[in-house]
Amino acid sequence: MGLSASQARLLTLNNRMSDLSFNAQLITNDKMRLASTSSKIGQNLQAALSDEVFMNTTTNKEVNANMLTGFQTMGENTPQKILKSSNGKIVVSDDTATKFENSDDFESFVNQYGYTSVNPDAPTDPGGGDAPEGPSMPPITQETIDSGTLNITSNIQSWEGKFDNLYEHLIAVTLDEEEYNHQLSSCLAAPHTQQNDDEIDDLRRYIRELAQERLEIEGSFPRIIEGICQGFSNLKSYYQGLNTQCEGNEVNIDSISENFTNFDALIAQLITKMQDFNEAMAVANEAHQTVRERVEEYGIAAYLAYQAYPDDQSYQDEANTAYAAWMAAGTAAMAADGNLDNIKNDFFGIITDGLTPLINNINASFIQATQPKPPTEPPTDPDNTYTYDAGRVFYYSNIFNEMLKGYISVEDEKFNDATWIHDQIKNGNIHMEEYSESANGGQGGFVETSIAQDSSLYEESYEKNNAAAQAEYDRLISDLNYKEKQLDMKLNTINTEYNAAKEEYESVKKTQEKSIDRTFKIFG
């Protein structure tokens, strides 16, 4: 084999070995990914095996949310339990929520379960009467609300007045485009004269004073804006206290709850705009500080160009560059002030267009909530369509009255899932309450309880989940093992081919070296 042919063969073999090495690396990476996947599968198995559920001490059966809150489902004579979310609302299934939404009153609610609140053995009242009501309270009027919120709203208005005054002061020390351009034109009219130097000094003092005053103002805005936000938070606290007084009355709870949700959202927007304003204020002040620095730089450059070295073009070029930087800084400062003004308008727009009408809606809801109700006819069941059961009527009335205060609905599937209720309670998303006759000064009511206090519950590993998780683990590991064997086979094939190519490469290289030695000996 000639030198050219052997060299070409070496290059071919070298390229082939490089390709094989690259393919081997890809397969190695795939095996590493399989190892990572295997680790995750093992972690998922451990997590599944660690799942626990609540068990009923009487029946030794798994307890889901339906069983936990059902009528006598945890054992005879056990207190009624309900589930509450972290915000204090009762948690019910979608089925219960649908029945509640389709009800006009408690009788129509309990009818959907096949029961009636009408006791057939109770004496009738020919004169009719009012339906049972919650605790009564004097009607709330606009004057009542105005009196209760007077200090809060006055404080908010005071902070808003301080903001307006401070912002007017800020505008007074903002780069006024007309004044700014007037001073610029004076400075640049005759750059080589003494008059020009005086004009530049005046402008430098003007810019310096603006920057200093803005820094002093900047520190006051956060406190003022925070005071406005805190005022609205205090106003919401007042409304929450008012709402507590209204509980048990014929009140549009959904409407008030929705208003409170919107209130929280608007306050959050207000706080975000407060942060935006503070950040924009800092940016604007920095921009004004940059203008000050650029004016100082131009003053020095102009002196060098037009007085110290008037015949040196390089100094004039530097002065022109400094002038351009100055102009750009001034433009940026005015843009930053414009952005600050937009954020300020957005901030007060949230108050004017969002919070103010919402507060009016909340006031109207409370006023309507506490108006005297007209007499209603007691429920009747003349055809004996439904069953009267005092225990169940009491049970459903407790749920109905709690839902009047607001509720959260959960999919029926989750309400029947033992692991779901276990995880929700253990993670603190939901807590249990049970009925106690001694609560509320002997009037009865729900009080918070825990798993540790409840003798009808205990925890146990979720066996059903364990079997399913183990089966899924075995299937996935078997699949990974198969893929790994396939990769090993490909890697062995590549290694074999690589070794053969390497062996041939060494052989051709030795032959080439011998041929070169012979050639040198002939011509040596």
Protein backbone atom coordinates (compact mmCIF):
# COMPACT_ATOMS: atom_id res chain seq x y z
CA MET A 1 0.00 0.00 0.00
CA GLY A 2 1.45 3.39 -1.05
CA LEU A 3 1.91 6.32 1.29
CA SER A 4 -1.10 8.19 -0.09
CA ALA A 5 -3.35 5.17 0.16
CA SER A 6 -2.17 4.31 3.67
CA GLN A 7 -2.66 7.91 4.79
CA ALA A 8 -6.20 7.94 3.39
CA ARG A 9 -6.92 4.66 5.16
CA LEU A 10 -5.64 6.07 8.46
CA LEU A 11 -7.92 9.10 8.14
CA THR A 12 -10.90 6.85 7.38
CA LEU A 13 -10.19 4.61 10.37
CA ASN A 14 -9.64 7.62 12.64
CA ASN A 15 -12.99 9.14 11.60
CA ARG A 16 -14.72 5.82 12.14
CA MET A 17 -13.25 5.47 15.63
CA SER A 18 -14.39 9.03 16.45
CA ASP A 19 -17.94 8.21 15.30
CA LEU A 20 -17.94 5.02 17.34
CA SER A 21 -16.70 6.89 20.44
CA PHE A 22 -19.42 9.50 19.98
CA ASN A 23 -22.12 6.82 19.64
CA ALA A 24 -20.75 5.05 22.71
CA GLN A 25 -20.99 8.32 24.65
CA LEU A 26 -24.62 8.78 23.54
CA ILE A 27 -25.46 5.27 24.75
CA THR A 28 -23.68 5.95 28.05
CA ASN A 29 -25.78 9.12 28.46
CA ASP A 30 -28.94 7.10 27.77
CA LYS A 31 -27.92 4.62 30.47
CA MET A 32 -27.38 7.48 32.92
CA ARG A 33 -30.86 8.78 32.14
CA LEU A 34 -32.25 5.29 32.73
CA ALA A 35 -30.48 5.21 36.09
CA SER A 36 -32.02 8.58 36.98
CA THR A 37 -35.46 7.36 35.92
CA SER A 38 -34.99 4.22 37.98
CA SER A 39 -34.19 6.34 41.02
CA LYS A 40 -37.34 8.43 40.52
CA ILE A 41 -39.44 5.27 40.16
CA GLY A 42 -38.02 4.04 43.44
CA GLN A 43 -38.81 7.36 45.12
CA ASN A 44 -42.38 7.22 43.83
CA LEU A 45 -42.74 3.71 45.23
CA GLN A 46 -41.47 4.81 48.63
CA ALA A 47 -43.86 7.77 48.62
CA ALA A 48 -46.78 5.51 47.72
CA LEU A 49 -45.84 2.95 50.37
CA SER A 50 -45.73 5.72 52.96
CA ASP A 51 -49.33 6.81 52.21
CA GLU A 52 -51.63 6.51 55.19
CA VAL A 53 -55.37 6.75 55.75
CA PHE A 54 -57.65 7.25 58.72
CA MET A 55 -59.43 4.16 59.98
CA ASN A 56 -62.64 3.87 62.00
CA THR A 57 -61.95 2.24 65.37
CA THR A 58 -65.42 0.63 65.37
CA THR A 59 -65.56 -0.81 61.86
CA ASN A 60 -61.81 -0.89 61.04
CA LYS A 61 -62.69 0.55 57.63
CA GLU A 62 -60.99 3.35 55.74
CA VAL A 63 -62.47 6.78 56.43
CA ASN A 64 -63.10 9.22 53.60
CA ALA A 65 -64.62 12.69 53.89
CA ASN A 66 -68.15 11.43 53.27
CA MET A 67 -67.87 8.89 56.06
CA LEU A 68 -66.19 11.38 58.39
CA THR A 69 -68.98 13.94 58.04
CA GLY A 70 -71.95 11.62 57.44
CA PHE A 71 -74.92 11.07 59.72
CA GLN A 72 -73.89 8.53 62.38
CA THR A 73 -71.42 6.97 59.90
CA MET A 74 -68.58 7.01 62.42
CA GLY A 75 -70.57 5.10 64.99
CA GLU A 76 -73.81 5.41 66.88
CA ASN A 77 -74.14 8.53 69.04
CA THR A 78 -70.86 10.02 67.79
CA PRO A 79 -70.90 13.84 67.54
CA GLN A 80 -71.53 15.34 64.11
CA LYS A 81 -68.33 16.39 62.35
CA ILE A 82 -67.77 18.97 59.65
CA LEU A 83 -64.68 19.98 57.69
CA LYS A 84 -63.44 23.56 57.62
CA SER A 85 -60.89 25.19 55.33
CA SER A 86 -58.07 27.39 56.60
CA ASN A 87 -60.27 30.48 56.03
CA GLY A 88 -63.05 29.06 58.20
CA LYS A 89 -65.51 28.00 55.49
CA ILE A 90 -67.23 24.63 55.60
CA VAL A 91 -65.95 22.13 53.01
CA VAL A 92 -68.66 20.08 51.30
CA SER A 93 -68.95 17.75 48.30
CA ASP A 94 -70.12 18.98 44.91
CA ASP A 95 -73.34 17.02 45.47
CA THR A 96 -74.11 18.88 48.70
CA ALA A 97 -73.21 22.21 47.08
CA THR A 98 -75.58 21.51 44.18
CA LYS A 99 -78.44 20.72 46.57
CA PHE A 100 -77.75 23.92 48.48
CA GLU A 101 -77.67 26.01 45.30
CA ASN A 102 -80.99 24.49 44.19
CA SER A 103 -82.65 25.34 47.51
CA ASP A 104 -84.81 28.33 48.36
CA ASP A 105 -84.76 27.58 52.08
CA PHE A 106 -83.88 24.85 54.53
CA GLU A 107 -87.05 22.84 53.81
CA SER A 108 -86.29 22.60 50.09
CA PHE A 109 -82.70 21.68 50.99
CA VAL A 110 -83.59 18.80 53.28
CA ASN A 111 -86.33 17.64 50.87
CA GLN A 112 -83.62 16.75 48.36
CA TYR A 113 -82.33 14.18 50.85
CA GLY A 114 -85.83 12.70 51.23
CA TYR A 115 -86.61 14.31 54.56
CA THR A 116 -88.80 17.13 55.86
CA SER A 117 -88.45 19.53 58.75
CA VAL A 118 -92.23 19.29 59.37
CA ASN A 119 -92.98 17.20 62.45
CA PRO A 120 -96.35 15.51 61.77
CA ASP A 121 -96.90 15.01 65.51
CA ALA A 122 -96.34 18.67 66.41
CA PRO A 123 -99.44 20.87 66.94
CA THR A 124 -100.20 23.16 64.03
CA ASP A 125 -100.25 26.96 64.31
CA PRO A 126 -103.35 28.19 62.46
CA GLY A 127 -102.03 31.74 62.51
CA GLY A 128 -98.87 30.89 60.66
CA GLY A 129 -95.64 32.53 61.71
CA ASP A 130 -92.08 33.24 60.83
CA ALA A 131 -89.59 30.59 59.81
CA PRO A 132 -86.84 29.97 62.36
CA GLU A 133 -84.25 32.71 62.22
CA GLY A 134 -80.79 33.32 63.53
CA PRO A 135 -79.94 35.91 66.14
CA SER A 136 -81.49 39.28 65.43
CA MET A 137 -79.70 42.60 65.46
CA PRO A 138 -80.65 46.24 64.85
CA PRO A 139 -80.72 47.16 61.16
CA ILE A 140 -77.47 48.64 59.85
CA THR A 141 -77.82 52.04 58.21
CA GLN A 142 -75.48 54.18 56.16
CA GLU A 143 -75.15 56.44 59.21
CA THR A 144 -74.02 53.43 61.28
CA ILE A 145 -71.32 52.56 58.74
CA ASP A 146 -70.21 56.17 58.34
CA SER A 147 -69.86 56.49 62.10
CA GLY A 148 -67.88 53.24 62.38
CA THR A 149 -65.52 54.09 59.51
CA LEU A 150 -65.13 57.82 60.20
CA ASN A 151 -61.64 57.61 61.72
CA ILE A 152 -60.44 55.13 59.09
CA THR A 153 -61.71 57.06 56.07
CA SER A 154 -60.49 60.36 57.52
CA ASN A 155 -57.05 58.82 57.97
CA ILE A 156 -57.05 57.56 54.35
CA GLN A 157 -58.08 61.01 53.09
CA SER A 158 -55.35 62.59 55.18
CA TRP A 159 -52.71 60.32 53.66
CA GLU A 160 -54.09 61.01 50.17
CA GLY A 161 -53.85 64.77 50.85
CA LYS A 162 -50.24 64.37 51.96
CA PHE A 163 -49.53 62.43 48.79
CA ASP A 164 -51.05 65.15 46.59
CA ASN A 165 -49.04 67.89 48.33
CA LEU A 166 -45.81 65.93 48.11
CA TYR A 167 -46.40 65.03 44.49
CA GLU A 168 -47.03 68.69 43.63
CA HIS A 169 -43.69 69.45 45.28
CA LEU A 170 -42.11 66.70 43.20
CA ILE A 171 -43.51 68.18 40.00
CA ALA A 172 -42.07 71.53 41.02
CA VAL A 173 -38.56 70.03 41.11
CA THR A 174 -38.97 67.97 37.95
CA LEU A 175 -37.20 68.88 34.72
CA ASP A 176 -39.61 71.26 33.06
CA GLU A 177 -39.17 70.72 29.33
CA GLU A 178 -39.78 74.38 28.39
CA GLU A 179 -37.50 75.77 31.11
CA TYR A 180 -34.90 73.11 30.41
CA ASN A 181 -34.82 73.87 26.67
CA HIS A 182 -34.70 77.62 27.37
CA GLN A 183 -31.65 77.23 29.55
CA LEU A 184 -30.09 74.88 27.02
CA SER A 185 -30.49 77.42 24.22
CA SER A 186 -28.87 80.09 26.38
CA CYS A 187 -25.93 77.83 27.13
CA LEU A 188 -25.33 76.85 23.54
CA ALA A 189 -25.90 80.24 21.87
CA ALA A 190 -22.23 81.26 22.04
CA PRO A 191 -20.20 78.44 23.58
CA HIS A 192 -16.90 80.35 23.49
CA THR A 193 -18.03 83.43 25.45
CA GLN A 194 -17.89 84.31 29.13
CA GLN A 195 -21.66 84.73 29.08
CA ASN A 196 -21.95 81.10 28.02
CA ASP A 197 -19.87 80.00 30.99
CA ASP A 198 -22.20 81.86 33.33
CA GLU A 199 -25.25 80.26 31.70
CA ILE A 200 -23.75 76.79 32.07
CA ASP A 201 -23.01 77.48 35.74
CA ASP A 202 -26.62 78.59 36.25
CA LEU A 203 -27.91 75.42 34.62
CA ARG A 204 -25.55 73.25 36.67
CA ARG A 205 -26.86 74.86 39.87
CA TYR A 206 -30.44 74.37 38.64
CA ILE A 207 -29.89 70.66 37.93
CA ARG A 208 -27.96 70.14 41.17
CA GLU A 209 -30.74 71.67 43.27
CA LEU A 210 -33.38 69.54 41.52
CA ALA A 211 -31.46 66.33 42.16
CA GLN A 212 -30.93 67.18 45.84
CA GLU A 213 -34.58 68.08 46.48
CA ARG A 214 -35.79 64.91 44.75
CA LEU A 215 -33.61 62.76 47.00
CA GLU A 216 -35.18 64.41 50.06
CA ILE A 217 -38.70 63.86 48.70
CA GLU A 218 -38.08 60.22 47.77
CA GLY A 219 -37.84 59.09 51.39
CA SER A 220 -41.34 60.38 52.24
CA PHE A 221 -43.38 58.64 49.53
CA PRO A 222 -43.12 55.00 50.78
CA ARG A 223 -44.46 55.94 54.23
CA ILE A 224 -47.38 57.88 52.75
CA ILE A 225 -48.36 55.18 50.25
CA GLU A 226 -48.04 52.50 52.93
CA GLY A 227 -50.38 54.57 55.10
CA ILE A 228 -52.99 54.62 52.31
CA CYS A 229 -52.76 50.83 51.83
CA GLN A 230 -52.94 50.22 55.60
CA GLY A 231 -56.03 52.41 55.80
CA PHE A 232 -57.90 50.23 53.31
CA SER A 233 -56.74 47.09 55.16
CA ASN A 234 -58.16 48.58 58.37
CA LEU A 235 -61.39 49.29 56.53
CA LYS A 236 -61.67 45.64 55.51
CA SER A 237 -61.09 44.57 59.13
CA TYR A 238 -64.00 46.77 60.17
CA TYR A 239 -66.21 45.15 57.54
CA GLN A 240 -65.18 41.67 58.72
CA GLY A 241 -66.24 42.57 62.24
CA LEU A 242 -69.54 43.85 60.88
CA ASN A 243 -69.96 40.61 58.93
CA THR A 244 -69.52 38.59 62.11
CA GLN A 245 -72.39 40.52 63.68
CA CYS A 246 -74.57 39.69 60.68
CA GLU A 247 -74.00 35.92 60.82
CA GLY A 248 -77.29 34.09 61.21
CA ASN A 249 -79.35 36.80 59.57
CA GLU A 250 -80.94 36.60 56.14
CA VAL A 251 -77.82 37.90 54.44
CA ASN A 252 -76.47 37.56 50.93
CA ILE A 253 -73.31 35.87 52.17
CA ASP A 254 -72.13 34.92 48.68
CA SER A 255 -72.29 38.54 47.57
CA ILE A 256 -70.43 39.84 50.62
CA SER A 257 -67.84 37.05 50.40
CA GLU A 258 -67.27 37.86 46.74
CA ASN A 259 -66.86 41.54 47.64
CA PHE A 260 -64.28 40.62 50.28
CA THR A 261 -62.39 38.53 47.72
CA ASN A 262 -62.38 41.49 45.33
CA PHE A 263 -61.31 43.75 48.21
CA ASP A 264 -58.28 41.54 48.85
CA ALA A 265 -57.42 41.52 45.14
CA LEU A 266 -57.64 45.32 44.88
CA ILE A 267 -55.52 45.86 47.99
CA ALA A 268 -52.96 43.46 46.50
CA GLN A 269 -52.98 45.54 43.30
CA LEU A 270 -52.60 48.69 45.38
CA ILE A 271 -49.56 47.25 47.18
CA THR A 272 -48.05 46.16 43.85
CA LYS A 273 -48.50 49.68 42.45
CA MET A 274 -46.98 51.04 45.65
CA GLN A 275 -43.89 48.91 45.02
CA ASP A 276 -43.88 49.94 41.34
CA PHE A 277 -44.07 53.60 42.35
CA ASN A 278 -41.18 53.31 44.78
CA GLU A 279 -39.06 51.55 42.17
CA ALA A 280 -39.99 54.09 39.47
CA MET A 281 -39.23 56.90 41.89
CA ALA A 282 -35.74 55.50 42.47
CA VAL A 283 -35.21 55.12 38.70
CA ALA A 284 -36.36 58.70 38.06
CA ASN A 285 -34.11 60.10 40.78
CA GLU A 286 -31.18 58.15 39.41
CA ALA A 287 -31.96 59.55 35.95
CA HIS A 288 -31.94 63.09 37.35
CA GLN A 289 -28.67 62.37 39.10
CA THR A 290 -27.27 61.21 35.74
CA VAL A 291 -28.38 64.52 34.17
CA ARG A 292 -26.51 66.35 36.89
CA GLU A 293 -23.37 64.30 36.21
CA ARG A 294 -23.64 64.85 32.44
CA VAL A 295 -24.03 68.63 32.91
CA GLU A 296 -20.91 68.67 35.07
CA GLU A 297 -19.03 66.66 32.43
CA TYR A 298 -20.19 69.00 29.68
CA GLY A 299 -19.16 72.06 31.68
CA ILE A 300 -15.61 70.71 31.94
CA ALA A 301 -15.52 69.65 28.28
CA ALA A 302 -16.85 73.02 27.11
CA TYR A 303 -14.25 74.88 29.15
CA LEU A 304 -11.45 72.78 27.65
CA ALA A 305 -12.82 73.09 24.10
CA TYR A 306 -13.70 76.78 23.95
CA GLN A 307 -11.39 78.44 26.45
CA ALA A 308 -8.36 76.35 27.35
CA TYR A 309 -7.75 74.78 23.91
CA PRO A 310 -9.99 76.55 21.40
CA ASP A 311 -7.83 75.52 18.43
CA ASP A 312 -7.75 71.80 19.27
CA GLN A 313 -10.50 69.97 17.35
CA SER A 314 -10.24 66.87 19.57
CA TYR A 315 -11.44 68.86 22.59
CA GLN A 316 -14.35 70.22 20.57
CA ASP A 317 -15.23 66.63 19.56
CA GLU A 318 -15.22 65.63 23.23
CA ALA A 319 -17.44 68.57 24.04
CA ASN A 320 -19.89 67.51 21.33
CA THR A 321 -19.89 63.94 22.70
CA ALA A 322 -20.50 65.24 26.23
CA TYR A 323 -23.32 67.41 24.91
CA ALA A 324 -24.98 64.41 23.21
CA ALA A 325 -24.73 62.39 26.44
CA TRP A 326 -26.26 65.30 28.32
CA MET A 327 -29.19 65.50 25.89
CA ALA A 328 -29.79 61.74 26.11
CA ALA A 329 -29.75 61.88 29.91
CA GLY A 330 -32.26 64.72 29.93
CA THR A 331 -34.59 62.81 27.62
CA ALA A 332 -34.30 59.71 29.83
CA ALA A 333 -35.04 61.73 32.96
CA MET A 334 -38.20 63.24 31.49
CA ALA A 335 -39.32 59.78 30.29
CA ALA A 336 -38.74 58.38 33.80
CA ASP A 337 -40.87 61.18 35.26
CA GLY A 338 -43.60 60.38 32.72
CA ASN A 339 -43.57 56.71 33.75
CA LEU A 340 -43.75 57.73 37.41
CA ASP A 341 -46.78 59.89 36.67
CA ASN A 342 -48.50 56.98 34.86
CA ILE A 343 -47.97 54.67 37.85
CA LYS A 344 -49.32 57.36 40.19
CA ASN A 345 -52.46 57.62 38.03
CA ASP A 346 -52.84 53.82 38.06
CA PHE A 347 -52.49 53.78 41.86
CA PHE A 348 -55.29 56.26 42.42
CA GLY A 349 -57.31 54.72 39.59
CA ILE A 350 -57.50 51.51 41.65
CA ILE A 351 -58.91 53.56 44.52
CA THR A 352 -61.31 55.62 42.41
CA ASP A 353 -62.52 52.97 39.94
CA GLY A 354 -62.12 49.84 42.07
CA LEU A 355 -62.18 50.27 45.82
CA THR A 356 -64.65 53.16 46.05
CA PRO A 357 -67.53 51.45 44.15
CA LEU A 358 -66.73 48.16 45.90
CA ILE A 359 -67.02 49.83 49.30
CA ASN A 360 -70.41 51.21 48.23
CA ASN A 361 -71.51 47.68 47.25
CA ILE A 362 -70.38 46.28 50.60
CA ASN A 363 -72.23 49.02 52.48
CA ALA A 364 -75.40 48.27 50.51
CA SER A 365 -75.04 44.53 51.21
CA PHE A 366 -74.79 45.07 54.96
CA ILE A 367 -77.72 47.49 54.99
CA GLN A 368 -79.86 45.02 53.04
CA ALA A 369 -78.68 42.09 55.15
CA THR A 370 -80.07 43.45 58.38
CA GLN A 371 -83.44 44.75 57.28
CA PRO A 372 -86.45 43.14 59.01
CA LYS A 373 -87.77 40.13 57.09
CA PRO A 374 -91.42 39.74 56.19
CA PRO A 375 -93.33 36.91 57.90
CA THR A 376 -93.18 33.60 56.06
CA GLU A 377 -95.51 30.65 56.14
CA PRO A 378 -94.12 27.62 57.97
CA PRO A 379 -93.16 24.67 55.73
CA THR A 380 -95.77 21.98 55.21
CA ASP A 381 -95.81 18.46 53.80
CA PRO A 382 -99.55 17.72 53.29
CA ASP A 383 -98.97 14.65 51.11
CA ASN A 384 -96.44 13.03 53.44
CA THR A 385 -93.95 12.97 50.57
CA TYR A 386 -90.91 13.12 52.83
CA THR A 387 -89.84 11.41 56.04
CA TYR A 388 -89.50 13.31 59.28
CA ASP A 389 -86.47 12.33 61.33
CA ALA A 390 -85.51 14.74 64.12
CA GLY A 391 -81.90 13.56 64.20
CA ARG A 392 -81.37 13.99 60.46
CA VAL A 393 -83.18 17.32 60.40
CA PHE A 394 -80.83 18.56 63.11
CA TYR A 395 -77.84 17.16 61.19
CA TYR A 396 -78.79 18.79 57.88
CA SER A 397 -79.76 22.08 59.54
CA ASN A 398 -76.25 22.34 60.98
CA ILE A 399 -74.76 21.89 57.51
CA PHE A 400 -77.24 24.33 55.94
CA ASN A 401 -76.56 27.05 58.53
CA GLU A 402 -72.80 26.68 58.12
CA MET A 403 -73.11 26.90 54.33
CA LEU A 404 -75.03 30.17 54.70
CA LYS A 405 -71.78 31.67 55.99
CA GLY A 406 -69.91 30.57 52.88
CA TYR A 407 -68.59 27.22 51.71
CA ILE A 408 -66.01 25.48 49.53
CA SER A 409 -67.09 22.58 47.32
CA VAL A 410 -64.85 19.63 46.44
CA GLU A 411 -65.27 17.00 43.73
CA ASP A 412 -67.33 14.00 44.86
CA GLU A 413 -64.46 11.71 43.83
CA LYS A 414 -62.13 13.38 46.31
CA PHE A 415 -64.77 13.25 49.04
CA ASN A 416 -64.79 9.46 48.58
CA ASP A 417 -60.97 9.18 48.52
CA ALA A 418 -59.53 8.15 51.90
CA THR A 419 -56.01 9.33 51.03
CA TRP A 420 -57.25 12.79 49.99
CA ILE A 421 -58.89 13.66 53.32
CA HIS A 422 -55.92 12.20 55.22
CA ASP A 423 -53.43 14.36 53.29
CA GLN A 424 -55.58 17.51 53.54
CA ILE A 425 -55.88 17.22 57.33
CA LYS A 426 -52.24 16.24 57.89
CA ASN A 427 -51.01 19.11 55.70
CA GLY A 428 -53.18 21.63 57.55
CA ASN A 429 -55.34 22.58 54.57
CA ILE A 430 -58.48 21.32 56.32
CA HIS A 431 -59.36 20.81 59.97
CA MET A 432 -62.19 18.99 61.73
CA GLU A 433 -64.85 20.47 63.94
CA GLU A 434 -67.45 18.52 65.91
CA TYR A 435 -70.74 19.55 67.44
CA SER A 436 -70.74 20.25 71.16
CA GLU A 437 -73.87 21.05 73.16
CA SER A 438 -71.79 23.05 75.64
CA ALA A 439 -70.36 25.40 73.01
CA ASN A 440 -71.48 29.03 72.78
CA GLY A 441 -72.46 29.23 76.41
CA GLY A 442 -74.62 26.11 76.26
CA GLN A 443 -76.43 27.07 73.05
CA GLY A 444 -74.47 24.46 71.10
CA GLY A 445 -72.16 24.75 68.13
CA PHE A 446 -69.09 23.37 66.40
CA VAL A 447 -65.65 23.40 68.05
CA GLU A 448 -62.33 22.46 66.52
CA THR A 449 -60.96 19.00 67.24
CA SER A 450 -58.02 16.89 66.07
CA ILE A 451 -57.17 13.30 65.23
CA ALA A 452 -55.35 12.93 68.54
CA GLN A 453 -58.51 13.97 70.42
CA ASP A 454 -60.85 11.74 68.39
CA SER A 455 -61.12 8.20 69.76
CA SER A 456 -63.07 7.03 66.68
CA LEU A 457 -60.05 7.46 64.36
CA TYR A 458 -56.58 6.01 63.98
CA GLU A 459 -53.98 6.02 61.18
CA GLU A 460 -52.83 3.06 59.13
CA SER A 461 -50.80 2.40 55.97
CA TYR A 462 -52.89 2.36 52.80
CA GLU A 463 -52.68 -1.31 51.75
CA LYS A 464 -54.67 -0.91 48.52
CA ASN A 465 -52.30 1.74 47.33
CA ASN A 466 -49.28 -0.36 48.31
CA ALA A 467 -50.23 -3.25 46.02
CA ALA A 468 -50.98 -0.98 43.08
CA ALA A 469 -47.77 0.98 43.59
CA GLN A 470 -45.67 -2.19 43.79
CA ALA A 471 -47.23 -3.53 40.61
CA GLU A 472 -46.56 -0.27 38.77
CA TYR A 473 -42.99 -0.24 40.09
CA ASP A 474 -42.36 -3.79 38.89
CA ARG A 475 -43.73 -2.94 35.44
CA LEU A 476 -41.62 0.18 35.04
CA ILE A 477 -38.43 -1.46 36.33
CA SER A 478 -38.95 -4.41 33.97
CA ASP A 479 -39.27 -1.97 31.09
CA LEU A 480 -36.11 -0.14 32.17
CA ASN A 481 -34.17 -3.40 32.48
CA TYR A 482 -35.16 -4.35 28.93
CA LYS A 483 -34.05 -0.96 27.59
CA GLU A 484 -30.77 -1.25 29.49
CA LYS A 485 -30.05 -4.68 27.99
CA GLN A 486 -30.68 -3.27 24.51
CA LEU A 487 -28.26 -0.44 25.19
CA ASP A 488 -25.65 -2.85 26.55
CA MET A 489 -25.89 -4.93 23.36
CA LYS A 490 -25.42 -1.82 21.20
CA LEU A 491 -22.48 -0.73 23.34
CA ASN A 492 -20.80 -4.16 23.06
CA THR A 493 -21.18 -4.06 19.27
CA ILE A 494 -19.65 -0.57 19.16
CA ASN A 495 -16.75 -1.64 21.39
CA THR A 496 -16.03 -4.65 19.19
CA GLU A 497 -16.07 -2.55 16.03
CA TYR A 498 -13.96 0.14 17.71
CA ASN A 499 -11.29 -2.40 18.78
CA ALA A 500 -11.13 -3.85 15.27
CA ALA A 501 -10.75 -0.41 13.73
CA LYS A 502 -8.10 0.51 16.28
CA GLU A 503 -6.16 -2.69 15.58
CA GLU A 504 -6.24 -2.02 11.83
CA TYR A 505 -5.24 1.60 12.45
CA GLU A 506 -2.14 0.50 14.39
CA SER A 507 -1.24 -2.02 11.68
CA VAL A 508 -1.52 0.49 8.83
CA LYS A 509 0.41 3.06 10.85
CA LYS A 510 3.31 0.62 11.42
CA THR A 511 3.36 -0.31 7.72
CA GLN A 512 3.44 3.38 6.79
CA GLU A 513 6.31 4.05 9.21
CA LYS A 514 8.34 1.17 7.74
CA SER A 515 7.71 2.45 4.22
CA ILE A 516 8.93 5.90 5.21
CA ASP A 517 12.10 4.42 6.78
CA ARG A 518 12.89 2.50 3.61
CA THR A 519 12.41 5.58 1.49
CA PHE A 520 14.83 7.61 3.58
CA LYS A 521 17.43 4.83 3.45
CA ILE A 522 17.27 4.73 -0.38
CA PHE A 523 17.77 8.45 -0.74
CA GLY A 524 19.93 8.86 2.34
